Amino acid sequence: MARKNQVYSNELKLEVVQAYLKGNESPQKIAEKYGIQNRSQVVAWVKKFKEVGSIEAFNRLPSAGSGAKGVKNPLKGKRVHFKDVEEERDYYKAQVEYLKKQYPNL
């Protein structure tokens, strides 16, 4: 039987992070208090929150294998075999030029 991941609300995540940042309890105690299965989840949420600095850190993005719609990888495609290094270099240069045209603001 396949294991299903537990999904927590953004509000709960924020509450857990705030509890941790107060510094009164360990990640293990906080996980037990809020019914989170593993203390490492608490640590991951805190790290993510510190990187972003807001509740936006908890907005879910589609994972690569989820089948969810996201930004397509323009470099993904058929495997290409090259005759020599120069041909490979030219191929990747063309890829870079294509991406520069597609995303001029980067």
Protein backbone atom coordinates (compact mmCIF):
# COMPACT_ATOMS: atom_id res chain seq x y z
CA MET A 1 0.00 0.00 0.00
CA ALA A 2 1.35 3.42 -0.96
CA ARG A 3 2.17 5.90 1.76
CA LYS A 4 0.35 9.26 1.56
CA ASN A 5 2.17 12.38 2.69
CA GLN A 6 0.62 14.48 5.43
CA VAL A 7 -0.38 17.96 4.26
CA TYR A 8 -0.29 20.81 6.77
CA SER A 9 -1.93 24.22 6.38
CA ASN A 10 0.17 27.34 5.93
CA GLU A 11 -1.33 28.74 9.12
CA LEU A 12 -0.14 25.72 11.12
CA LYS A 13 3.30 25.95 9.55
CA LEU A 14 3.55 29.62 10.45
CA GLU A 15 2.40 28.91 14.01
CA VAL A 16 5.01 26.15 14.35
CA VAL A 17 7.77 28.41 13.00
CA GLN A 18 6.80 31.22 15.36
CA ALA A 19 6.81 28.80 18.30
CA TYR A 20 10.28 27.64 17.35
CA LEU A 21 11.61 31.17 16.84
CA LYS A 22 10.48 32.14 20.33
CA GLY A 23 13.21 29.78 21.46
CA ASN A 24 11.38 28.19 24.38
CA GLU A 25 11.10 24.66 22.98
CA SER A 26 13.08 22.17 20.94
CA PRO A 27 11.94 21.07 17.47
CA GLN A 28 11.03 17.66 18.96
CA LYS A 29 8.74 19.21 21.60
CA ILE A 30 7.11 21.50 19.03
CA ALA A 31 6.52 18.57 16.66
CA GLU A 32 4.85 16.60 19.45
CA LYS A 33 2.77 19.60 20.56
CA TYR A 34 1.39 20.29 17.06
CA GLY A 35 1.08 16.66 15.94
CA ILE A 36 3.80 16.80 13.32
CA GLN A 37 5.28 13.41 12.58
CA ASN A 38 8.96 14.36 12.52
CA ARG A 39 11.06 17.09 14.09
CA SER A 40 13.02 17.48 10.86
CA GLN A 41 9.85 18.86 9.28
CA VAL A 42 9.85 21.66 11.85
CA VAL A 43 13.51 22.42 11.12
CA ALA A 44 12.82 22.45 7.35
CA TRP A 45 9.94 24.89 7.75
CA VAL A 46 12.06 27.20 9.92
CA LYS A 47 14.89 27.13 7.38
CA LYS A 48 12.51 27.86 4.52
CA PHE A 49 10.85 30.67 6.47
CA LYS A 50 14.21 32.27 7.27
CA GLU A 51 15.20 32.17 3.59
CA VAL A 52 12.01 33.83 2.33
CA GLY A 53 11.02 35.82 5.42
CA SER A 54 7.24 35.47 5.05
CA ILE A 55 4.37 33.02 4.82
CA GLU A 56 5.05 32.88 1.07
CA ALA A 57 7.74 30.34 1.95
CA PHE A 58 5.01 27.75 2.42
CA ASN A 59 3.23 28.11 -0.91
CA ARG A 60 3.53 24.75 -2.61
CA LEU A 61 5.17 24.44 -5.99
CA PRO A 62 4.48 21.46 -8.22
CA SER A 63 7.13 18.79 -7.91
CA ALA A 64 8.84 17.40 -10.97
CA GLY A 65 7.08 14.04 -10.89
CA SER A 66 3.67 15.19 -9.73
CA GLY A 67 2.21 15.76 -13.17
CA ALA A 68 1.22 19.27 -12.10
CA LYS A 69 1.47 22.06 -14.62
CA GLY A 70 4.57 24.16 -14.21
CA VAL A 71 7.20 25.83 -16.33
CA LYS A 72 8.43 23.45 -18.98
CA ASN A 73 12.13 22.81 -19.29
CA PRO A 74 13.12 24.06 -22.75
CA LEU A 75 16.25 21.92 -22.70
CA LYS A 76 14.35 18.68 -22.08
CA GLY A 77 13.94 16.53 -25.12
CA LYS A 78 15.51 13.77 -27.09
CA ARG A 79 19.01 12.69 -26.22
CA VAL A 80 21.47 14.19 -28.68
CA HIS A 81 24.69 12.43 -29.69
CA PHE A 82 27.54 14.50 -31.02
CA LYS A 83 30.31 13.57 -33.43
CA ASP A 84 32.84 15.83 -31.76
CA VAL A 85 33.32 18.42 -29.02
CA GLU A 86 32.91 21.35 -31.41
CA GLU A 87 29.49 20.14 -32.51
CA GLU A 88 28.43 19.77 -28.89
CA ARG A 89 29.70 23.27 -28.08
CA ASP A 90 27.74 24.77 -30.99
CA TYR A 91 24.61 22.94 -29.90
CA TYR A 92 24.80 24.36 -26.38
CA LYS A 93 25.59 27.84 -27.67
CA ALA A 94 22.41 27.66 -29.74
CA GLN A 95 20.48 26.56 -26.64
CA VAL A 96 21.81 29.55 -24.70
CA GLU A 97 20.84 31.94 -27.48
CA TYR A 98 17.36 30.45 -27.59
CA LEU A 99 16.94 30.92 -23.85
CA LYS A 100 18.20 34.50 -24.04
CA LYS A 101 15.50 35.26 -26.61
CA GLN A 102 12.80 33.52 -24.58
CA TYR A 103 13.76 35.18 -21.28
CA PRO A 104 15.35 38.57 -22.10
CA ASN A 105 14.94 39.91 -18.56
CA LEU A 106 17.28 37.31 -17.03
